[in-house]
């Protein structure tokens, strides 16, 4: 944390948040793996349902842990971790009752060397790509941290908005990946190309809409994440 030049006034909160949040990493990994299993057969509503449940639960837990119990940053991190635990548990129970193709039988769970090799070969490049992106964000965040607590808060608010936008863009990528994966397995290259074309067009349309909306009403949208006028003044978004 010290290497990131975190301002002293928020250092303890940031450290507590990080420690508590890391406890939920196994549940986050499990949820992403389970969601990928459902998406591999074209079932996207189940992960969405799990996220909807956990989002509502997160709001309730945040209110209890922060507003009522006064746990601060630790309460926010704990609420997030617990929601991912509920997420992963919900999807696991659904996988126990799913169709034969993706149904999980706990008695037959074991490590398959061939499957692990394929997962590593396909997943490692994506993991490295994500790590490089995260490393760049860390370097940028280090520079932001050196500017003070208000700038950090403004950056966090803007990052929350960026994450919402990213999810909108990434949804088309996830849909295209699932569709291409299924048709690639069926050796139907034509449908793979068609899916990619449609996904690019839809993503481009959503990108234009989001850019116009953020430039037009960006500061108003940011009030959903922070009500501090001094913090919002640090975000260079024109009204």
C-alpha atoms as a PDB file:
ATOM      1  CA  UNK A   1       0.000   0.000   0.000  1.00  0.00           C
ATOM      2  CA  UNK A   2       2.863   2.387   0.763  1.00  0.00           C
ATOM      3  CA  UNK A   3       4.282   1.804  -2.723  1.00  0.00           C
ATOM      4  CA  UNK A   4       1.000   3.118  -4.160  1.00  0.00           C
ATOM      5  CA  UNK A   5       1.403   6.491  -2.390  1.00  0.00           C
ATOM      6  CA  UNK A   6      -1.963   6.141  -0.636  1.00  0.00           C
ATOM      7  CA  UNK A   7      -2.792   9.387   1.249  1.00  0.00           C
ATOM      8  CA  UNK A   8      -2.257   8.964   5.034  1.00  0.00           C
ATOM      9  CA  UNK A   9      -5.824  10.026   5.873  1.00  0.00           C
ATOM     10  CA  UNK A  10      -7.298   7.053   3.971  1.00  0.00           C
ATOM     11  CA  UNK A  11      -4.432   4.568   4.328  1.00  0.00           C
ATOM     12  CA  UNK A  12      -5.936   2.567   7.213  1.00  0.00           C
ATOM     13  CA  UNK A  13      -9.356   2.321   5.548  1.00  0.00           C
ATOM     14  CA  UNK A  14      -7.764   1.193   2.288  1.00  0.00           C
ATOM     15  CA  UNK A  15      -5.660  -1.422   4.066  1.00  0.00           C
ATOM     16  CA  UNK A  16      -8.623  -2.838   5.990  1.00  0.00           C
ATOM     17  CA  UNK A  17     -10.750  -2.927   2.841  1.00  0.00           C
ATOM     18  CA  UNK A  18      -8.023  -4.777   0.936  1.00  0.00           C
ATOM     19  CA  UNK A  19      -7.508  -7.383   3.661  1.00  0.00           C
ATOM     20  CA  UNK A  20     -11.213  -8.136   4.049  1.00  0.00           C
ATOM     21  CA  UNK A  21     -11.867  -8.117   0.298  1.00  0.00           C
ATOM     22  CA  UNK A  22      -9.057 -10.603  -0.351  1.00  0.00           C
ATOM     23  CA  UNK A  23     -10.843 -13.093   1.918  1.00  0.00           C
ATOM     24  CA  UNK A  24     -13.618 -13.209  -0.680  1.00  0.00           C
ATOM     25  CA  UNK A  25     -11.311 -13.914  -3.643  1.00  0.00           C
ATOM     26  CA  UNK A  26     -11.966 -17.716  -3.631  1.00  0.00           C
ATOM     27  CA  UNK A  27     -15.720 -17.070  -3.847  1.00  0.00           C
ATOM     28  CA  UNK A  28     -15.175 -14.579  -6.687  1.00  0.00           C
ATOM     29  CA  UNK A  29     -13.085 -17.112  -8.617  1.00  0.00           C
ATOM     30  CA  UNK A  30     -15.706 -19.813  -8.055  1.00  0.00           C
ATOM     31  CA  UNK A  31     -18.546 -17.534  -9.174  1.00  0.00           C
ATOM     32  CA  UNK A  32     -16.761 -16.569 -12.399  1.00  0.00           C
ATOM     33  CA  UNK A  33     -16.023 -20.226 -13.163  1.00  0.00           C
ATOM     34  CA  UNK A  34     -19.624 -21.264 -12.510  1.00  0.00           C
ATOM     35  CA  UNK A  35     -20.990 -18.368 -14.587  1.00  0.00           C
ATOM     36  CA  UNK A  36     -18.704 -19.399 -17.452  1.00  0.00           C
ATOM     37  CA  UNK A  37     -20.100 -22.941 -17.279  1.00  0.00           C
ATOM     38  CA  UNK A  38     -23.647 -21.645 -17.677  1.00  0.00           C
ATOM     39  CA  UNK A  39     -22.674 -19.278 -20.480  1.00  0.00           C
ATOM     40  CA  UNK A  40     -20.911 -22.105 -22.326  1.00  0.00           C
ATOM     41  CA  UNK A  41     -24.300 -23.688 -23.006  1.00  0.00           C
ATOM     42  CA  UNK A  42     -26.032 -20.376 -23.711  1.00  0.00           C
ATOM     43  CA  UNK A  43     -27.646 -19.983 -20.271  1.00  0.00           C
ATOM     44  CA  UNK A  44     -27.063 -16.333 -19.327  1.00  0.00           C
ATOM     45  CA  UNK A  45     -30.140 -15.681 -17.202  1.00  0.00           C
ATOM     46  CA  UNK A  46     -28.913 -17.812 -14.303  1.00  0.00           C
ATOM     47  CA  UNK A  47     -25.720 -15.785 -13.644  1.00  0.00           C
ATOM     48  CA  UNK A  48     -27.774 -12.621 -14.118  1.00  0.00           C
ATOM     49  CA  UNK A  49     -30.287 -13.818 -11.542  1.00  0.00           C
ATOM     50  CA  UNK A  50     -27.470 -14.569  -9.108  1.00  0.00           C
ATOM     51  CA  UNK A  51     -26.007 -11.091  -9.615  1.00  0.00           C
ATOM     52  CA  UNK A  52     -29.414  -9.476  -9.137  1.00  0.00           C
ATOM     53  CA  UNK A  53     -29.875 -11.300  -5.838  1.00  0.00           C
ATOM     54  CA  UNK A  54     -26.386 -10.427  -4.624  1.00  0.00           C
ATOM     55  CA  UNK A  55     -26.747  -6.776  -5.668  1.00  0.00           C
ATOM     56  CA  UNK A  56     -29.910  -6.397  -3.621  1.00  0.00           C
ATOM     57  CA  UNK A  57     -28.213  -8.205  -0.741  1.00  0.00           C
ATOM     58  CA  UNK A  58     -25.165  -5.947  -1.060  1.00  0.00           C
ATOM     59  CA  UNK A  59     -27.310  -2.843  -0.652  1.00  0.00           C
ATOM     60  CA  UNK A  60     -28.937  -4.302   2.466  1.00  0.00           C
ATOM     61  CA  UNK A  61     -25.643  -5.443   3.988  1.00  0.00           C
ATOM     62  CA  UNK A  62     -23.969  -2.104   3.243  1.00  0.00           C
ATOM     63  CA  UNK A  63     -26.794  -0.345   5.069  1.00  0.00           C
ATOM     64  CA  UNK A  64     -26.455  -2.664   8.050  1.00  0.00           C
ATOM     65  CA  UNK A  65     -22.661  -2.826   8.260  1.00  0.00           C
ATOM     66  CA  UNK A  66     -21.931   0.841   7.498  1.00  0.00           C
ATOM     67  CA  UNK A  67     -24.962   2.913   8.473  1.00  0.00           C
ATOM     68  CA  UNK A  68     -26.137   0.823  11.444  1.00  0.00           C
ATOM     69  CA  UNK A  69     -23.021  -0.923  12.805  1.00  0.00           C
ATOM     70  CA  UNK A  70     -20.534   1.746  11.704  1.00  0.00           C
ATOM     71  CA  UNK A  71     -17.917  -0.677  10.365  1.00  0.00           C
ATOM     72  CA  UNK A  72     -16.825   1.704   7.592  1.00  0.00           C
ATOM     73  CA  UNK A  73     -14.556   0.362   4.859  1.00  0.00           C
ATOM     74  CA  UNK A  74     -14.398  -3.060   6.498  1.00  0.00           C
ATOM     75  CA  UNK A  75     -18.191  -3.289   6.351  1.00  0.00           C
ATOM     76  CA  UNK A  76     -18.262  -2.410   2.652  1.00  0.00           C
ATOM     77  CA  UNK A  77     -15.619  -5.044   1.845  1.00  0.00           C
ATOM     78  CA  UNK A  78     -17.320  -7.657   4.026  1.00  0.00           C
ATOM     79  CA  UNK A  79     -20.664  -7.019   2.325  1.00  0.00           C
ATOM     80  CA  UNK A  80     -19.059  -7.520  -1.098  1.00  0.00           C
ATOM     81  CA  UNK A  81     -17.296 -10.716  -0.029  1.00  0.00           C
ATOM     82  CA  UNK A  82     -20.466 -12.181   1.489  1.00  0.00           C
ATOM     83  CA  UNK A  83     -22.428 -11.384  -1.660  1.00  0.00           C
ATOM     84  CA  UNK A  84     -19.950 -13.307  -3.804  1.00  0.00           C
ATOM     85  CA  UNK A  85     -20.183 -16.233  -1.387  1.00  0.00           C
ATOM     86  CA  UNK A  86     -23.971 -16.190  -1.797  1.00  0.00           C
ATOM     87  CA  UNK A  87     -23.513 -15.852  -5.582  1.00  0.00           C
ATOM     88  CA  UNK A  88     -21.213 -18.833  -5.884  1.00  0.00           C
ATOM     89  CA  UNK A  89     -23.339 -20.922  -3.519  1.00  0.00           C
ATOM     90  CA  UNK A  90     -26.502 -20.162  -5.488  1.00  0.00           C
ATOM     91  CA  UNK A  91     -24.925 -21.131  -8.818  1.00  0.00           C
ATOM     92  CA  UNK A  92     -23.399 -24.258  -7.300  1.00  0.00           C
ATOM     93  CA  UNK A  93     -26.810 -25.479  -6.131  1.00  0.00           C
ATOM     94  CA  UNK A  94     -28.201 -24.798  -9.611  1.00  0.00           C
ATOM     95  CA  UNK A  95     -25.359 -26.770 -11.197  1.00  0.00           C
ATOM     96  CA  UNK A  96     -26.295 -29.724  -8.985  1.00  0.00           C
ATOM     97  CA  UNK A  97     -29.719 -29.736 -10.657  1.00  0.00           C
ATOM     98  CA  UNK A  98     -28.723 -28.629 -14.169  1.00  0.00           C
ATOM     99  CA  UNK A  99     -28.926 -30.609 -17.412  1.00  0.00           C
ATOM    100  CA  UNK A 100     -26.633 -33.593 -17.832  1.00  0.00           C
ATOM    101  CA  UNK A 101     -24.101 -31.656 -19.945  1.00  0.00           C
ATOM    102  CA  UNK A 102     -23.106 -29.302 -17.111  1.00  0.00           C
ATOM    103  CA  UNK A 103     -24.511 -31.062 -14.054  1.00  0.00           C
ATOM    104  CA  UNK A 104     -22.078 -31.356 -11.153  1.00  0.00           C
ATOM    105  CA  UNK A 105     -21.875 -34.548  -9.131  1.00  0.00           C
ATOM    106  CA  UNK A 106     -19.758 -33.863  -6.014  1.00  0.00           C
ATOM    107  CA  UNK A 107     -18.914 -37.567  -5.740  1.00  0.00           C
ATOM    108  CA  UNK A 108     -17.266 -37.506  -9.176  1.00  0.00           C
ATOM    109  CA  UNK A 109     -15.307 -34.282  -8.774  1.00  0.00           C
ATOM    110  CA  UNK A 110     -11.624 -34.809  -9.481  1.00  0.00           C
ATOM    111  CA  UNK A 111      -8.752 -33.136 -11.307  1.00  0.00           C
ATOM    112  CA  UNK A 112      -8.504 -34.147 -14.950  1.00  0.00           C
ATOM    113  CA  UNK A 113      -5.005 -33.484 -16.268  1.00  0.00           C
ATOM    114  CA  UNK A 114      -6.090 -33.054 -19.884  1.00  0.00           C
ATOM    115  CA  UNK A 115      -8.842 -30.581 -18.989  1.00  0.00           C
ATOM    116  CA  UNK A 116      -6.532 -28.612 -16.708  1.00  0.00           C
ATOM    117  CA  UNK A 117      -3.973 -28.386 -19.513  1.00  0.00           C
ATOM    118  CA  UNK A 118      -6.575 -27.049 -21.946  1.00  0.00           C
ATOM    119  CA  UNK A 119      -7.895 -24.532 -19.413  1.00  0.00           C
ATOM    120  CA  UNK A 120      -4.387 -23.248 -18.687  1.00  0.00           C
ATOM    121  CA  UNK A 121      -3.507 -23.046 -22.387  1.00  0.00           C
ATOM    122  CA  UNK A 122      -6.650 -21.046 -23.177  1.00  0.00           C
ATOM    123  CA  UNK A 123      -6.915 -19.071 -19.950  1.00  0.00           C
ATOM    124  CA  UNK A 124      -3.279 -18.110 -19.366  1.00  0.00           C
ATOM    125  CA  UNK A 125      -3.055 -15.616 -22.273  1.00  0.00           C
ATOM    126  CA  UNK A 126      -6.299 -13.986 -21.111  1.00  0.00           C
ATOM    127  CA  UNK A 127      -4.967 -13.891 -17.566  1.00  0.00           C
ATOM    128  CA  UNK A 128      -1.738 -12.223 -18.683  1.00  0.00           C
ATOM    129  CA  UNK A 129      -3.752  -9.729 -20.718  1.00  0.00           C
ATOM    130  CA  UNK A 130      -5.865  -8.859 -17.683  1.00  0.00           C
ATOM    131  CA  UNK A 131      -2.765  -8.613 -15.491  1.00  0.00           C
ATOM    132  CA  UNK A 132      -1.117  -6.150 -17.866  1.00  0.00           C
ATOM    133  CA  UNK A 133      -4.273  -4.032 -17.841  1.00  0.00           C
ATOM    134  CA  UNK A 134      -4.395  -4.170 -14.033  1.00  0.00           C
ATOM    135  CA  UNK A 135      -0.704  -3.292 -13.771  1.00  0.00           C
ATOM    136  CA  UNK A 136      -1.283  -0.215 -15.904  1.00  0.00           C
ATOM    137  CA  UNK A 137      -4.186   0.766 -13.646  1.00  0.00           C
ATOM    138  CA  UNK A 138      -1.970   0.359 -10.582  1.00  0.00           C
ATOM    139  CA  UNK A 139       0.636   2.700 -12.042  1.00  0.00           C
ATOM    140  CA  UNK A 140      -2.056   5.244 -12.903  1.00  0.00           C
ATOM    141  CA  UNK A 141      -3.636   4.891  -9.458  1.00  0.00           C
ATOM    142  CA  UNK A 142      -0.252   5.508  -7.823  1.00  0.00           C
ATOM    143  CA  UNK A 143      -0.044   8.862  -9.608  1.00  0.00           C
ATOM    144  CA  UNK A 144      -3.639   9.679  -8.634  1.00  0.00           C
ATOM    145  CA  UNK A 145      -2.999   8.790  -4.979  1.00  0.00           C
ATOM    146  CA  UNK A 146      -0.186  11.325  -4.811  1.00  0.00           C
ATOM    147  CA  UNK A 147      -2.701  14.112  -5.563  1.00  0.00           C
ATOM    148  CA  UNK A 148      -4.628  13.751  -2.316  1.00  0.00           C
ATOM    149  CA  UNK A 149      -7.741  12.172  -0.823  1.00  0.00           C
ATOM    150  CA  UNK A 150     -10.273  14.266  -2.750  1.00  0.00           C
ATOM    151  CA  UNK A 151      -8.770  13.317  -6.093  1.00  0.00           C
ATOM    152  CA  UNK A 152      -8.723   9.673  -5.006  1.00  0.00           C
ATOM    153  CA  UNK A 153     -12.415   9.882  -4.106  1.00  0.00           C
ATOM    154  CA  UNK A 154     -13.184  11.537  -7.448  1.00  0.00           C
ATOM    155  CA  UNK A 155     -11.222   8.845  -9.269  1.00  0.00           C
ATOM    156  CA  UNK A 156     -13.120   6.124  -7.395  1.00  0.00           C
ATOM    157  CA  UNK A 157     -16.459   7.673  -8.356  1.00  0.00           C
ATOM    158  CA  UNK A 158     -15.397   7.931 -12.002  1.00  0.00           C
ATOM    159  CA  UNK A 159     -14.072   4.365 -11.877  1.00  0.00           C
ATOM    160  CA  UNK A 160     -17.453   3.136 -10.644  1.00  0.00           C
ATOM    161  CA  UNK A 161     -19.085   4.773 -13.663  1.00  0.00           C
ATOM    162  CA  UNK A 162     -16.397   3.326 -15.922  1.00  0.00           C
ATOM    163  CA  UNK A 163     -17.087  -0.144 -14.529  1.00  0.00           C
ATOM    164  CA  UNK A 164     -20.789   0.165 -15.348  1.00  0.00           C
ATOM    165  CA  UNK A 165     -19.924   1.205 -18.901  1.00  0.00           C
ATOM    166  CA  UNK A 166     -17.370  -1.594 -19.182  1.00  0.00           C
ATOM    167  CA  UNK A 167     -19.980  -4.166 -18.193  1.00  0.00           C
ATOM    168  CA  UNK A 168     -22.265  -2.897 -20.958  1.00  0.00           C
ATOM    169  CA  UNK A 169     -19.489  -3.204 -23.544  1.00  0.00           C
ATOM    170  CA  UNK A 170     -18.188  -6.517 -22.228  1.00  0.00           C
ATOM    171  CA  UNK A 171     -21.640  -8.112 -22.324  1.00  0.00           C
ATOM    172  CA  UNK A 172     -21.462  -8.266 -26.123  1.00  0.00           C
ATOM    173  CA  UNK A 173     -17.994  -9.791 -25.909  1.00  0.00           C
ATOM    174  CA  UNK A 174     -19.244 -12.469 -23.509  1.00  0.00           C
ATOM    175  CA  UNK A 175     -22.242 -13.233 -25.724  1.00  0.00           C
ATOM    176  CA  UNK A 176     -20.045 -13.433 -28.816  1.00  0.00           C
ATOM    177  CA  UNK A 177     -17.531 -15.679 -27.035  1.00  0.00           C
ATOM    178  CA  UNK A 178     -20.273 -18.107 -26.024  1.00  0.00           C
ATOM    179  CA  UNK A 179     -21.838 -18.151 -29.488  1.00  0.00           C
ATOM    180  CA  UNK A 180     -18.509 -18.525 -31.290  1.00  0.00           C
ATOM    181  CA  UNK A 181     -17.393 -21.264 -28.903  1.00  0.00           C
ATOM    182  CA  UNK A 182     -20.514 -23.322 -29.521  1.00  0.00           C
ATOM    183  CA  UNK A 183     -20.416 -22.923 -33.304  1.00  0.00           C
ATOM    184  CA  UNK A 184     -16.677 -23.467 -33.454  1.00  0.00           C
ATOM    185  CA  UNK A 185     -17.234 -26.799 -31.739  1.00  0.00           C
ATOM    186  CA  UNK A 186     -19.866 -27.575 -34.375  1.00  0.00           C
ATOM    187  CA  UNK A 187     -17.365 -26.568 -37.127  1.00  0.00           C
ATOM    188  CA  UNK A 188     -19.742 -23.858 -38.368  1.00  0.00           C
ATOM    189  CA  UNK A 189     -17.306 -21.059 -39.192  1.00  0.00           C
ATOM    190  CA  UNK A 190     -19.932 -19.059 -41.096  1.00  0.00           C
ATOM    191  CA  UNK A 191     -22.073 -18.532 -38.019  1.00  0.00           C
ATOM    192  CA  UNK A 192     -18.956 -17.597 -36.028  1.00  0.00           C
ATOM    193  CA  UNK A 193     -18.203 -14.776 -38.477  1.00  0.00           C
ATOM    194  CA  UNK A 194     -21.829 -13.658 -38.463  1.00  0.00           C
ATOM    195  CA  UNK A 195     -21.905 -13.572 -34.654  1.00  0.00           C
ATOM    196  CA  UNK A 196     -18.720 -11.502 -34.550  1.00  0.00           C
ATOM    197  CA  UNK A 197     -20.112  -9.022 -37.079  1.00  0.00           C
ATOM    198  CA  UNK A 198     -23.395  -8.605 -35.198  1.00  0.00           C
ATOM    199  CA  UNK A 199     -21.589  -8.231 -31.842  1.00  0.00           C
ATOM    200  CA  UNK A 200     -19.279  -5.531 -33.244  1.00  0.00           C
ATOM    201  CA  UNK A 201     -22.197  -3.566 -34.700  1.00  0.00           C
ATOM    202  CA  UNK A 202     -24.260  -3.762 -31.493  1.00  0.00           C
ATOM    203  CA  UNK A 203     -21.233  -2.885 -29.356  1.00  0.00           C
ATOM    204  CA  UNK A 204     -20.453   0.130 -31.572  1.00  0.00           C
ATOM    205  CA  UNK A 205     -24.034   1.414 -31.225  1.00  0.00           C
ATOM    206  CA  UNK A 206     -23.986   1.057 -27.417  1.00  0.00           C
ATOM    207  CA  UNK A 207     -20.554   2.719 -27.273  1.00  0.00           C
ATOM    208  CA  UNK A 208     -21.801   5.792 -29.118  1.00  0.00           C
ATOM    209  CA  UNK A 209     -24.899   6.011 -26.884  1.00  0.00           C
ATOM    210  CA  UNK A 210     -22.832   5.689 -23.685  1.00  0.00           C
ATOM    211  CA  UNK A 211     -20.277   8.287 -24.806  1.00  0.00           C
ATOM    212  CA  UNK A 212     -23.016  10.815 -25.613  1.00  0.00           C
ATOM    213  CA  UNK A 213     -24.774  10.117 -22.304  1.00  0.00           C
ATOM    214  CA  UNK A 214     -21.616  10.435 -20.201  1.00  0.00           C
ATOM    215  CA  UNK A 215     -20.445  13.623 -21.909  1.00  0.00           C
ATOM    216  CA  UNK A 216     -23.938  15.113 -21.679  1.00  0.00           C
ATOM    217  CA  UNK A 217     -24.938  14.073 -18.154  1.00  0.00           C
ATOM    218  CA  UNK A 218     -21.716  12.673 -16.700  1.00  0.00           C
ATOM    219  CA  UNK A 219     -21.580  14.910 -13.623  1.00  0.00           C
ATOM    220  CA  UNK A 220     -25.234  14.204 -12.819  1.00  0.00           C
ATOM    221  CA  UNK A 221     -24.610  10.459 -13.083  1.00  0.00           C
ATOM    222  CA  UNK A 222     -21.583  10.742 -10.792  1.00  0.00           C
ATOM    223  CA  UNK A 223     -23.803  12.130  -8.020  1.00  0.00           C
ATOM    224  CA  UNK A 224     -25.088   8.572  -7.656  1.00  0.00           C
ATOM    225  CA  UNK A 225     -21.599   7.596  -6.440  1.00  0.00           C
ATOM    226  CA  UNK A 226     -20.635  10.737  -4.492  1.00  0.00           C
ATOM    227  CA  UNK A 227     -22.562  13.748  -3.247  1.00  0.00           C
ATOM    228  CA  UNK A 228     -19.475  15.748  -2.216  1.00  0.00           C
ATOM    229  CA  UNK A 229     -19.266  18.856  -4.422  1.00  0.00           C
ATOM    230  CA  UNK A 230     -15.502  19.144  -3.851  1.00  0.00           C
ATOM    231  CA  UNK A 231     -15.015  15.562  -5.024  1.00  0.00           C
ATOM    232  CA  UNK A 232     -17.203  16.032  -8.099  1.00  0.00           C
ATOM    233  CA  UNK A 233     -15.318  19.216  -9.009  1.00  0.00           C
ATOM    234  CA  UNK A 234     -12.181  17.094  -9.448  1.00  0.00           C
ATOM    235  CA  UNK A 235     -13.776  15.090 -12.264  1.00  0.00           C
ATOM    236  CA  UNK A 236     -13.175  16.803 -15.635  1.00  0.00           C
ATOM    237  CA  UNK A 237     -16.568  16.061 -17.201  1.00  0.00           C
ATOM    238  CA  UNK A 238     -18.423  18.890 -18.877  1.00  0.00           C
ATOM    239  CA  UNK A 239     -22.134  19.289 -18.179  1.00  0.00           C
END
